[in-house]
Amino acid sequence: MTGLETEVPLRTRIANLFAVILPLAAVVLGIVSMWGRGFTWVDFTLLSGMYVLTVLGITVGFHRLFTHHAFETNSAVAFILGVLGSMAVQGRLFNWVALHRRHHQHSDEPGDPHSPHLAGEGIWGVLRGMWHAHLGWLFKPDSPDLPRYVKDLQRSKALRIVDKLFVLWVALGLLLPAMIGGVVTGTWAGAFWGFMWGGLVRVLLVHHVTWSVNSVCHLWGRRPYQSSDQSRNNFLFGVLALGEGWHNTHHAFPTSARHGLQWWQIDVSYWVIRTLSWLRLAWHLQLPSHQLQVTRKRSH
């Protein structure tokens, strides 16, 4: 802890603890229920649909649009992306962006809020670092200077509303699949399982897949491009995190709207951005030139 950090408020620690434990409890309950009930197509549709929408809220919205300005869009699309990202239950928009900008400023160096490389040497140091990067950082105090990282976003009234109503968006992300499950099945049981699979279980999956970009993608994978940190491209999380797992590429070209620069690197988030562009809902897409990509290539 540095001298600039303060103690984490008790209510914040409790909220973070519930955000971690409740989705895990829902997974256990869901697995137990499958013995007698099975996993229905409604469960699968709500789980996968809410997973894709909220991950895109993080990857396309919180990350590529709001943090790095990798493309531009109108206020309505920005608002929707902000709401979807908030439904992922990873914190308020402004705090998320500020932490991620701080991460890039100090990547894998002192000041990085979630580096796995600052916990000492040896196996124990690796394990401690992995825990901190994946989950432990949530229970550490934030630097008090975070607001300075998001002065640009605070000028937008729409984004101030998204940030202020975070709790409402979280509740909506849990209740919406419950309502759909109830309407489709015509039962209260359908509403309950919609809440469990499309709500709580989905939150757990989104959390651990996206947190793995902080932890796994700074430890395991390839480093095709020069960067000042240990960011790595990891195929598994390139797929699961809808393109975010091409993390070394991202750190080499942080403002790029496309992270999977090779034809075989699946980047669903970029496909969504390109679709928005075709619909004239996104413009000024930032992409590294071929010459810049060649210049940043690591020699082997």
C-alpha atoms as a PDB file:
ATOM      1  CA  MET A   1       0.000   0.000   0.000  1.00  0.00           C
ATOM      2  CA  THR A   2       1.304   3.456  -0.868  1.00  0.00           C
ATOM      3  CA  GLY A   3       0.927   6.587   1.170  1.00  0.00           C
ATOM      4  CA  LEU A   4      -1.685   7.862  -1.289  1.00  0.00           C
ATOM      5  CA  GLU A   5      -4.076   4.969  -0.655  1.00  0.00           C
ATOM      6  CA  THR A   6      -6.807   4.913   1.959  1.00  0.00           C
ATOM      7  CA  GLU A   7      -8.630   2.116   3.739  1.00  0.00           C
ATOM      8  CA  VAL A   8     -11.408   0.422   1.768  1.00  0.00           C
ATOM      9  CA  PRO A   9     -14.806   1.300   3.307  1.00  0.00           C
ATOM     10  CA  LEU A  10     -16.518  -1.638   4.997  1.00  0.00           C
ATOM     11  CA  ARG A  11     -19.612  -1.321   2.787  1.00  0.00           C
ATOM     12  CA  THR A  12     -17.408  -1.545  -0.308  1.00  0.00           C
ATOM     13  CA  ARG A  13     -15.668  -4.672   0.944  1.00  0.00           C
ATOM     14  CA  ILE A  14     -19.020  -6.264   1.779  1.00  0.00           C
ATOM     15  CA  ALA A  15     -20.464  -5.359  -1.637  1.00  0.00           C
ATOM     16  CA  ASN A  16     -17.423  -6.830  -3.399  1.00  0.00           C
ATOM     17  CA  LEU A  17     -17.658  -9.973  -1.295  1.00  0.00           C
ATOM     18  CA  PHE A  18     -21.320 -10.472  -2.166  1.00  0.00           C
ATOM     19  CA  ALA A  19     -20.571  -9.795  -5.853  1.00  0.00           C
ATOM     20  CA  VAL A  20     -18.060 -12.647  -5.762  1.00  0.00           C
ATOM     21  CA  ILE A  21     -19.883 -15.150  -3.523  1.00  0.00           C
ATOM     22  CA  LEU A  22     -23.494 -14.910  -4.745  1.00  0.00           C
ATOM     23  CA  PRO A  23     -22.772 -15.829  -8.402  1.00  0.00           C
ATOM     24  CA  LEU A  24     -20.629 -18.753  -7.195  1.00  0.00           C
ATOM     25  CA  ALA A  25     -23.463 -19.949  -4.954  1.00  0.00           C
ATOM     26  CA  ALA A  26     -25.805 -19.699  -7.949  1.00  0.00           C
ATOM     27  CA  VAL A  27     -23.490 -21.943  -9.978  1.00  0.00           C
ATOM     28  CA  VAL A  28     -23.510 -24.566  -7.229  1.00  0.00           C
ATOM     29  CA  LEU A  29     -27.313 -24.398  -6.976  1.00  0.00           C
ATOM     30  CA  GLY A  30     -27.647 -24.573 -10.748  1.00  0.00           C
ATOM     31  CA  ILE A  31     -25.445 -27.679 -10.974  1.00  0.00           C
ATOM     32  CA  VAL A  32     -27.400 -29.375  -8.191  1.00  0.00           C
ATOM     33  CA  SER A  33     -30.710 -28.527  -9.857  1.00  0.00           C
ATOM     34  CA  MET A  34     -29.610 -30.070 -13.158  1.00  0.00           C
ATOM     35  CA  TRP A  35     -29.717 -33.551 -11.633  1.00  0.00           C
ATOM     36  CA  GLY A  36     -33.496 -33.498 -11.496  1.00  0.00           C
ATOM     37  CA  ARG A  37     -34.474 -30.691 -13.820  1.00  0.00           C
ATOM     38  CA  GLY A  38     -31.893 -30.532 -16.581  1.00  0.00           C
ATOM     39  CA  PHE A  39     -30.568 -27.509 -18.438  1.00  0.00           C
ATOM     40  CA  THR A  40     -33.277 -26.179 -20.752  1.00  0.00           C
ATOM     41  CA  TRP A  41     -32.976 -24.225 -23.969  1.00  0.00           C
ATOM     42  CA  VAL A  42     -34.438 -21.212 -22.150  1.00  0.00           C
ATOM     43  CA  ASP A  43     -31.638 -21.445 -19.558  1.00  0.00           C
ATOM     44  CA  PHE A  44     -28.996 -21.696 -22.279  1.00  0.00           C
ATOM     45  CA  THR A  45     -30.413 -18.836 -24.338  1.00  0.00           C
ATOM     46  CA  LEU A  46     -30.640 -16.494 -21.360  1.00  0.00           C
ATOM     47  CA  LEU A  47     -27.168 -17.440 -20.097  1.00  0.00           C
ATOM     48  CA  SER A  48     -25.445 -17.100 -23.471  1.00  0.00           C
ATOM     49  CA  GLY A  49     -27.425 -14.062 -24.594  1.00  0.00           C
ATOM     50  CA  MET A  50     -26.820 -12.075 -21.415  1.00  0.00           C
ATOM     51  CA  TYR A  51     -23.178 -13.199 -21.390  1.00  0.00           C
ATOM     52  CA  VAL A  52     -22.528 -11.875 -24.908  1.00  0.00           C
ATOM     53  CA  LEU A  53     -24.399  -8.609 -24.344  1.00  0.00           C
ATOM     54  CA  THR A  54     -22.707  -7.746 -21.055  1.00  0.00           C
ATOM     55  CA  VAL A  55     -19.225  -8.812 -22.184  1.00  0.00           C
ATOM     56  CA  LEU A  56     -19.656  -6.590 -25.243  1.00  0.00           C
ATOM     57  CA  GLY A  57     -20.685  -3.800 -22.883  1.00  0.00           C
ATOM     58  CA  ILE A  58     -17.275  -4.189 -21.240  1.00  0.00           C
ATOM     59  CA  THR A  59     -15.133  -4.873 -24.313  1.00  0.00           C
ATOM     60  CA  VAL A  60     -16.706  -2.563 -26.894  1.00  0.00           C
ATOM     61  CA  GLY A  61     -18.069   0.016 -24.457  1.00  0.00           C
ATOM     62  CA  PHE A  62     -16.051   0.363 -21.243  1.00  0.00           C
ATOM     63  CA  HIS A  63     -12.762  -0.675 -22.827  1.00  0.00           C
ATOM     64  CA  ARG A  64     -12.386   0.230 -26.489  1.00  0.00           C
ATOM     65  CA  LEU A  65     -14.790   3.185 -26.628  1.00  0.00           C
ATOM     66  CA  PHE A  66     -14.670   4.892 -23.232  1.00  0.00           C
ATOM     67  CA  THR A  67     -11.137   4.025 -22.081  1.00  0.00           C
ATOM     68  CA  HIS A  68      -9.189   4.198 -25.340  1.00  0.00           C
ATOM     69  CA  HIS A  69     -11.444   6.147 -27.747  1.00  0.00           C
ATOM     70  CA  ALA A  70     -10.732   3.485 -30.384  1.00  0.00           C
ATOM     71  CA  PHE A  71     -13.773   4.663 -32.313  1.00  0.00           C
ATOM     72  CA  GLU A  72     -16.518   7.268 -32.082  1.00  0.00           C
ATOM     73  CA  THR A  73     -20.256   6.845 -31.927  1.00  0.00           C
ATOM     74  CA  ASN A  74     -23.396   8.804 -31.070  1.00  0.00           C
ATOM     75  CA  SER A  75     -24.736   9.445 -27.571  1.00  0.00           C
ATOM     76  CA  ALA A  76     -27.481   6.829 -27.817  1.00  0.00           C
ATOM     77  CA  VAL A  77     -25.122   3.978 -28.723  1.00  0.00           C
ATOM     78  CA  ALA A  78     -22.638   5.138 -26.078  1.00  0.00           C
ATOM     79  CA  PHE A  79     -25.412   5.165 -23.468  1.00  0.00           C
ATOM     80  CA  ILE A  80     -26.550   1.641 -24.388  1.00  0.00           C
ATOM     81  CA  LEU A  81     -22.977   0.327 -24.273  1.00  0.00           C
ATOM     82  CA  GLY A  82     -22.501   2.004 -20.898  1.00  0.00           C
ATOM     83  CA  VAL A  83     -25.641   0.363 -19.515  1.00  0.00           C
ATOM     84  CA  LEU A  84     -24.649  -3.081 -20.840  1.00  0.00           C
ATOM     85  CA  GLY A  85     -21.172  -2.717 -19.347  1.00  0.00           C
ATOM     86  CA  SER A  86     -22.675  -1.725 -16.004  1.00  0.00           C
ATOM     87  CA  MET A  87     -24.825  -4.877 -16.079  1.00  0.00           C
ATOM     88  CA  ALA A  88     -21.586  -6.889 -15.988  1.00  0.00           C
ATOM     89  CA  VAL A  89     -21.280  -5.801 -12.326  1.00  0.00           C
ATOM     90  CA  GLN A  90     -17.629  -4.727 -12.556  1.00  0.00           C
ATOM     91  CA  GLY A  91     -18.113  -1.338 -10.963  1.00  0.00           C
ATOM     92  CA  ARG A  92     -19.204   2.107 -12.033  1.00  0.00           C
ATOM     93  CA  LEU A  93     -18.207   3.291 -15.498  1.00  0.00           C
ATOM     94  CA  PHE A  94     -15.906   6.114 -14.392  1.00  0.00           C
ATOM     95  CA  ASN A  95     -14.101   3.992 -11.814  1.00  0.00           C
ATOM     96  CA  TRP A  96     -13.620   1.125 -14.309  1.00  0.00           C
ATOM     97  CA  VAL A  97     -12.162   3.425 -16.941  1.00  0.00           C
ATOM     98  CA  ALA A  98      -9.927   5.249 -14.452  1.00  0.00           C
ATOM     99  CA  LEU A  99      -8.494   1.979 -13.143  1.00  0.00           C
ATOM    100  CA  HIS A 100      -7.837   0.707 -16.639  1.00  0.00           C
ATOM    101  CA  ARG A 101      -6.138   3.924 -17.742  1.00  0.00           C
ATOM    102  CA  ARG A 102      -3.986   3.737 -14.613  1.00  0.00           C
ATOM    103  CA  HIS A 103      -3.175   0.130 -15.502  1.00  0.00           C
ATOM    104  CA  HIS A 104      -1.858   1.221 -18.895  1.00  0.00           C
ATOM    105  CA  GLN A 105       0.107   4.085 -17.391  1.00  0.00           C
ATOM    106  CA  HIS A 106       1.902   1.745 -14.947  1.00  0.00           C
ATOM    107  CA  SER A 107       1.481  -1.655 -16.597  1.00  0.00           C
ATOM    108  CA  ASP A 108       3.350  -4.334 -14.588  1.00  0.00           C
ATOM    109  CA  GLU A 109       5.117  -1.623 -12.605  1.00  0.00           C
ATOM    110  CA  PRO A 110       4.420  -0.131  -9.151  1.00  0.00           C
ATOM    111  CA  GLY A 111       1.130   1.735  -9.445  1.00  0.00           C
ATOM    112  CA  ASP A 112      -0.534  -0.902 -11.645  1.00  0.00           C
ATOM    113  CA  PRO A 113      -3.761  -1.805  -9.778  1.00  0.00           C
ATOM    114  CA  HIS A 114      -3.783  -5.447 -10.889  1.00  0.00           C
ATOM    115  CA  SER A 115      -0.397  -6.670 -12.102  1.00  0.00           C
ATOM    116  CA  PRO A 116       0.527 -10.295 -11.256  1.00  0.00           C
ATOM    117  CA  HIS A 117       4.241  -9.435 -11.289  1.00  0.00           C
ATOM    118  CA  LEU A 118       4.619  -7.360  -8.114  1.00  0.00           C
ATOM    119  CA  ALA A 119       4.151  -9.996  -5.391  1.00  0.00           C
ATOM    120  CA  GLY A 120       7.681 -11.353  -5.052  1.00  0.00           C
ATOM    121  CA  GLU A 121       9.763 -14.152  -6.523  1.00  0.00           C
ATOM    122  CA  GLY A 122       9.342 -17.931  -6.594  1.00  0.00           C
ATOM    123  CA  ILE A 123       6.234 -20.094  -6.731  1.00  0.00           C
ATOM    124  CA  TRP A 124       4.622 -18.342  -3.773  1.00  0.00           C
ATOM    125  CA  GLY A 125       5.184 -14.967  -5.414  1.00  0.00           C
ATOM    126  CA  VAL A 126       3.608 -16.192  -8.656  1.00  0.00           C
ATOM    127  CA  LEU A 127       0.577 -17.558  -6.793  1.00  0.00           C
ATOM    128  CA  ARG A 128       0.165 -14.394  -4.755  1.00  0.00           C
ATOM    129  CA  GLY A 129       0.501 -12.295  -7.884  1.00  0.00           C
ATOM    130  CA  MET A 130      -2.010 -14.435  -9.759  1.00  0.00           C
ATOM    131  CA  TRP A 131      -4.532 -14.109  -6.925  1.00  0.00           C
ATOM    132  CA  HIS A 132      -4.043 -10.352  -6.712  1.00  0.00           C
ATOM    133  CA  ALA A 133      -4.346  -9.791 -10.474  1.00  0.00           C
ATOM    134  CA  HIS A 134      -7.417 -12.003 -10.799  1.00  0.00           C
ATOM    135  CA  LEU A 135      -9.448 -11.138  -7.728  1.00  0.00           C
ATOM    136  CA  GLY A 136      -7.480  -9.773  -4.777  1.00  0.00           C
ATOM    137  CA  TRP A 137      -7.152  -6.255  -6.205  1.00  0.00           C
ATOM    138  CA  LEU A 138     -10.915  -5.786  -5.758  1.00  0.00           C
ATOM    139  CA  PHE A 139     -10.390  -5.668  -1.995  1.00  0.00           C
ATOM    140  CA  LYS A 140      -7.544  -3.151  -2.110  1.00  0.00           C
ATOM    141  CA  PRO A 141      -8.088   0.606  -1.737  1.00  0.00           C
ATOM    142  CA  ASP A 142      -8.237   2.697  -4.900  1.00  0.00           C
ATOM    143  CA  SER A 143      -5.815   5.522  -5.439  1.00  0.00           C
ATOM    144  CA  PRO A 144      -7.525   8.832  -4.519  1.00  0.00           C
ATOM    145  CA  ASP A 145      -6.361  10.429  -7.779  1.00  0.00           C
ATOM    146  CA  LEU A 146      -8.578   8.240  -9.996  1.00  0.00           C
ATOM    147  CA  PRO A 147     -11.019  11.064 -10.921  1.00  0.00           C
ATOM    148  CA  ARG A 148      -8.261  12.834 -12.856  1.00  0.00           C
ATOM    149  CA  TYR A 149      -8.189   9.949 -15.331  1.00  0.00           C
ATOM    150  CA  VAL A 150     -11.808  10.449 -16.472  1.00  0.00           C
ATOM    151  CA  LYS A 151     -12.251  14.214 -16.770  1.00  0.00           C
ATOM    152  CA  ASP A 152     -13.089  13.757 -20.458  1.00  0.00           C
ATOM    153  CA  LEU A 153     -15.935  11.333 -19.735  1.00  0.00           C
ATOM    154  CA  GLN A 154     -17.338  13.438 -16.900  1.00  0.00           C
ATOM    155  CA  ARG A 155     -18.163  16.174 -19.402  1.00  0.00           C
ATOM    156  CA  SER A 156     -20.861  13.925 -20.935  1.00  0.00           C
ATOM    157  CA  LYS A 157     -24.282  14.179 -19.276  1.00  0.00           C
ATOM    158  CA  ALA A 158     -25.296  10.773 -20.688  1.00  0.00           C
ATOM    159  CA  LEU A 159     -22.240   9.075 -19.216  1.00  0.00           C
ATOM    160  CA  ARG A 160     -22.731  10.816 -15.867  1.00  0.00           C
ATOM    161  CA  ILE A 161     -26.224   9.287 -15.789  1.00  0.00           C
ATOM    162  CA  VAL A 162     -24.824   5.839 -16.640  1.00  0.00           C
ATOM    163  CA  ASP A 163     -22.270   6.144 -13.846  1.00  0.00           C
ATOM    164  CA  LYS A 164     -24.698   7.504 -11.245  1.00  0.00           C
ATOM    165  CA  LEU A 165     -27.401   4.863 -11.858  1.00  0.00           C
ATOM    166  CA  PHE A 166     -25.012   1.885 -11.663  1.00  0.00           C
ATOM    167  CA  VAL A 167     -27.135   0.046  -9.075  1.00  0.00           C
ATOM    168  CA  LEU A 168     -30.214   0.390 -11.292  1.00  0.00           C
ATOM    169  CA  TRP A 169     -28.392  -1.150 -14.268  1.00  0.00           C
ATOM    170  CA  VAL A 170     -27.123  -4.032 -12.116  1.00  0.00           C
ATOM    171  CA  ALA A 171     -30.674  -4.719 -10.914  1.00  0.00           C
ATOM    172  CA  LEU A 172     -31.984  -4.528 -14.483  1.00  0.00           C
ATOM    173  CA  GLY A 173     -29.332  -7.011 -15.636  1.00  0.00           C
ATOM    174  CA  LEU A 174     -30.539  -9.496 -13.020  1.00  0.00           C
ATOM    175  CA  LEU A 175     -34.279  -8.905 -13.377  1.00  0.00           C
ATOM    176  CA  LEU A 176     -34.472  -8.796 -17.180  1.00  0.00           C
ATOM    177  CA  PRO A 177     -33.574 -12.495 -17.704  1.00  0.00           C
ATOM    178  CA  ALA A 178     -35.939 -13.377 -14.845  1.00  0.00           C
ATOM    179  CA  MET A 179     -38.796 -11.550 -16.569  1.00  0.00           C
ATOM    180  CA  ILE A 180     -38.018 -13.172 -19.919  1.00  0.00           C
ATOM    181  CA  GLY A 181     -37.761 -16.622 -18.325  1.00  0.00           C
ATOM    182  CA  GLY A 182     -41.102 -16.124 -16.599  1.00  0.00           C
ATOM    183  CA  VAL A 183     -42.864 -14.880 -19.737  1.00  0.00           C
ATOM    184  CA  VAL A 184     -41.453 -17.595 -22.016  1.00  0.00           C
ATOM    185  CA  THR A 185     -42.253 -20.476 -19.646  1.00  0.00           C
ATOM    186  CA  GLY A 186     -45.341 -18.935 -18.088  1.00  0.00           C
ATOM    187  CA  THR A 187     -44.158 -20.018 -14.639  1.00  0.00           C
ATOM    188  CA  TRP A 188     -42.566 -18.524 -11.534  1.00  0.00           C
ATOM    189  CA  ALA A 189     -40.014 -21.326 -11.713  1.00  0.00           C
ATOM    190  CA  GLY A 190     -38.999 -20.089 -15.159  1.00  0.00           C
ATOM    191  CA  ALA A 191     -38.530 -16.600 -13.736  1.00  0.00           C
ATOM    192  CA  PHE A 192     -36.408 -17.965 -10.902  1.00  0.00           C
ATOM    193  CA  TRP A 193     -34.139 -19.962 -13.200  1.00  0.00           C
ATOM    194  CA  GLY A 194     -33.910 -17.038 -15.607  1.00  0.00           C
ATOM    195  CA  PHE A 195     -32.629 -14.974 -12.684  1.00  0.00           C
ATOM    196  CA  MET A 196     -30.161 -17.709 -11.722  1.00  0.00           C
ATOM    197  CA  TRP A 197     -28.751 -18.613 -15.164  1.00  0.00           C
ATOM    198  CA  GLY A 198     -29.123 -15.344 -17.079  1.00  0.00           C
ATOM    199  CA  GLY A 199     -28.390 -13.284 -13.974  1.00  0.00           C
ATOM    200  CA  LEU A 200     -26.129 -14.665 -11.258  1.00  0.00           C
ATOM    201  CA  VAL A 201     -24.391 -17.491 -13.138  1.00  0.00           C
ATOM    202  CA  ARG A 202     -23.801 -15.189 -16.077  1.00  0.00           C
ATOM    203  CA  VAL A 203     -22.218 -12.613 -13.752  1.00  0.00           C
ATOM    204  CA  LEU A 204     -19.801 -15.246 -12.434  1.00  0.00           C
ATOM    205  CA  LEU A 205     -18.733 -16.302 -15.926  1.00  0.00           C
ATOM    206  CA  VAL A 206     -18.317 -12.712 -17.125  1.00  0.00           C
ATOM    207  CA  HIS A 207     -16.294 -11.845 -14.027  1.00  0.00           C
ATOM    208  CA  HIS A 208     -13.828 -14.679 -14.263  1.00  0.00           C
ATOM    209  CA  VAL A 209     -13.362 -14.529 -18.027  1.00  0.00           C
ATOM    210  CA  THR A 210     -12.679 -10.793 -18.038  1.00  0.00           C
ATOM    211  CA  TRP A 211     -10.579 -10.913 -14.844  1.00  0.00           C
ATOM    212  CA  SER A 212      -8.456 -13.557 -16.573  1.00  0.00           C
ATOM    213  CA  VAL A 213      -7.336 -10.903 -19.038  1.00  0.00           C
ATOM    214  CA  ASN A 214      -5.694  -9.152 -16.054  1.00  0.00           C
ATOM    215  CA  SER A 215      -4.158 -12.330 -14.645  1.00  0.00           C
ATOM    216  CA  VAL A 216      -3.733 -15.092 -17.229  1.00  0.00           C
ATOM    217  CA  CYS A 217      -2.960 -12.735 -20.122  1.00  0.00           C
ATOM    218  CA  HIS A 218      -0.046 -11.198 -18.208  1.00  0.00           C
ATOM    219  CA  LEU A 219       1.437 -14.628 -17.447  1.00  0.00           C
ATOM    220  CA  TRP A 220       0.765 -17.143 -20.236  1.00  0.00           C
ATOM    221  CA  GLY A 221       0.713 -16.734 -23.984  1.00  0.00           C
ATOM    222  CA  ARG A 222       2.717 -15.284 -26.849  1.00  0.00           C
ATOM    223  CA  ARG A 223       4.292 -11.833 -27.135  1.00  0.00           C
ATOM    224  CA  PRO A 224       4.484 -11.104 -30.878  1.00  0.00           C
ATOM    225  CA  TYR A 225       4.801  -7.330 -30.410  1.00  0.00           C
ATOM    226  CA  GLN A 226       7.122  -5.098 -28.410  1.00  0.00           C
ATOM    227  CA  SER A 227       5.595  -3.665 -25.254  1.00  0.00           C
ATOM    228  CA  SER A 228       6.967  -2.367 -21.978  1.00  0.00           C
ATOM    229  CA  ASP A 229       5.141  -4.993 -19.915  1.00  0.00           C
ATOM    230  CA  GLN A 230       4.383  -8.718 -19.765  1.00  0.00           C
ATOM    231  CA  SER A 231       1.069  -8.634 -21.654  1.00  0.00           C
ATOM    232  CA  ARG A 232       0.481 -11.745 -23.768  1.00  0.00           C
ATOM    233  CA  ASN A 233      -1.831 -13.048 -26.469  1.00  0.00           C
ATOM    234  CA  ASN A 234      -3.856 -16.004 -25.228  1.00  0.00           C
ATOM    235  CA  PHE A 235      -6.030 -17.859 -27.743  1.00  0.00           C
ATOM    236  CA  LEU A 236      -8.500 -19.259 -25.183  1.00  0.00           C
ATOM    237  CA  PHE A 237      -9.351 -15.831 -23.798  1.00  0.00           C
ATOM    238  CA  GLY A 238      -9.228 -14.317 -27.246  1.00  0.00           C
ATOM    239  CA  VAL A 239     -12.310 -16.449 -27.874  1.00  0.00           C
ATOM    240  CA  LEU A 240     -14.003 -16.402 -24.450  1.00  0.00           C
ATOM    241  CA  ALA A 241     -13.470 -12.670 -23.865  1.00  0.00           C
ATOM    242  CA  LEU A 242     -14.680 -11.813 -27.383  1.00  0.00           C
ATOM    243  CA  GLY A 243     -11.301 -10.531 -28.567  1.00  0.00           C
ATOM    244  CA  GLU A 244      -9.793  -9.135 -25.357  1.00  0.00           C
ATOM    245  CA  GLY A 245      -7.392 -12.060 -24.979  1.00  0.00           C
ATOM    246  CA  TRP A 246      -5.136 -10.688 -27.746  1.00  0.00           C
ATOM    247  CA  HIS A 247      -3.703  -8.650 -24.919  1.00  0.00           C
ATOM    248  CA  ASN A 248      -0.120  -8.150 -26.091  1.00  0.00           C
ATOM    249  CA  THR A 249      -1.469  -6.765 -29.341  1.00  0.00           C
ATOM    250  CA  HIS A 250      -3.685  -4.419 -27.350  1.00  0.00           C
ATOM    251  CA  HIS A 251      -0.809  -3.142 -25.205  1.00  0.00           C
ATOM    252  CA  ALA A 252       1.315  -2.623 -28.314  1.00  0.00           C
ATOM    253  CA  PHE A 253      -1.515  -0.672 -30.009  1.00  0.00           C
ATOM    254  CA  PRO A 254      -3.777   0.468 -27.149  1.00  0.00           C
ATOM    255  CA  THR A 255      -6.009   2.760 -29.207  1.00  0.00           C
ATOM    256  CA  SER A 256      -6.735   0.129 -31.879  1.00  0.00           C
ATOM    257  CA  ALA A 257     -10.375  -0.844 -32.300  1.00  0.00           C
ATOM    258  CA  ARG A 258      -9.167  -4.259 -33.423  1.00  0.00           C
ATOM    259  CA  HIS A 259      -7.170  -6.513 -31.092  1.00  0.00           C
ATOM    260  CA  GLY A 260      -7.037  -9.655 -33.221  1.00  0.00           C
ATOM    261  CA  LEU A 261      -4.971  -8.318 -36.100  1.00  0.00           C
ATOM    262  CA  GLN A 262      -4.336 -11.686 -37.765  1.00  0.00           C
ATOM    263  CA  TRP A 263      -7.053 -13.324 -39.860  1.00  0.00           C
ATOM    264  CA  TRP A 264      -7.261 -16.317 -37.514  1.00  0.00           C
ATOM    265  CA  GLN A 265      -7.470 -14.248 -34.316  1.00  0.00           C
ATOM    266  CA  ILE A 266     -11.160 -14.226 -33.427  1.00  0.00           C
ATOM    267  CA  ASP A 267     -12.228 -10.758 -32.302  1.00  0.00           C
ATOM    268  CA  VAL A 268     -16.003 -10.640 -31.917  1.00  0.00           C
ATOM    269  CA  SER A 269     -15.839  -7.193 -30.330  1.00  0.00           C
ATOM    270  CA  TYR A 270     -14.212  -5.762 -33.452  1.00  0.00           C
ATOM    271  CA  TRP A 271     -16.815  -7.469 -35.635  1.00  0.00           C
ATOM    272  CA  VAL A 272     -19.490  -5.634 -33.635  1.00  0.00           C
ATOM    273  CA  ILE A 273     -17.644  -2.323 -34.069  1.00  0.00           C
ATOM    274  CA  ARG A 274     -17.333  -2.963 -37.816  1.00  0.00           C
ATOM    275  CA  THR A 275     -21.054  -3.740 -37.985  1.00  0.00           C
ATOM    276  CA  LEU A 276     -21.805  -0.467 -36.221  1.00  0.00           C
ATOM    277  CA  SER A 277     -19.559   1.235 -38.772  1.00  0.00           C
ATOM    278  CA  TRP A 278     -21.421  -0.335 -41.685  1.00  0.00           C
ATOM    279  CA  LEU A 279     -24.663   0.915 -40.122  1.00  0.00           C
ATOM    280  CA  ARG A 280     -23.081   4.374 -39.825  1.00  0.00           C
ATOM    281  CA  LEU A 281     -23.336   4.166 -36.031  1.00  0.00           C
ATOM    282  CA  ALA A 282     -19.543   4.189 -35.523  1.00  0.00           C
ATOM    283  CA  TRP A 283     -16.795   6.117 -37.245  1.00  0.00           C
ATOM    284  CA  HIS A 284     -13.133   7.103 -36.999  1.00  0.00           C
ATOM    285  CA  LEU A 285     -12.098   3.535 -36.200  1.00  0.00           C
ATOM    286  CA  GLN A 286      -8.466   3.535 -35.058  1.00  0.00           C
ATOM    287  CA  LEU A 287      -6.279   0.794 -36.599  1.00  0.00           C
ATOM    288  CA  PRO A 288      -2.483   0.418 -36.648  1.00  0.00           C
ATOM    289  CA  SER A 289      -0.938   0.692 -40.087  1.00  0.00           C
ATOM    290  CA  HIS A 290       0.840  -2.288 -41.606  1.00  0.00           C
ATOM    291  CA  GLN A 291       4.143  -0.444 -41.306  1.00  0.00           C
ATOM    292  CA  LEU A 292       3.592   0.203 -37.591  1.00  0.00           C
ATOM    293  CA  GLN A 293       2.749  -3.458 -37.034  1.00  0.00           C
ATOM    294  CA  VAL A 294       5.993  -4.490 -38.739  1.00  0.00           C
ATOM    295  CA  THR A 295       7.972  -1.956 -36.701  1.00  0.00           C
ATOM    296  CA  ARG A 296       6.553  -3.272 -33.416  1.00  0.00           C
ATOM    297  CA  LYS A 297       7.182  -6.937 -34.235  1.00  0.00           C
ATOM    298  CA  ARG A 298       9.445  -8.679 -31.784  1.00  0.00           C
ATOM    299  CA  SER A 299      12.522 -10.422 -33.172  1.00  0.00           C
ATOM    300  CA  HIS A 300      12.786 -14.117 -32.231  1.00  0.00           C
END
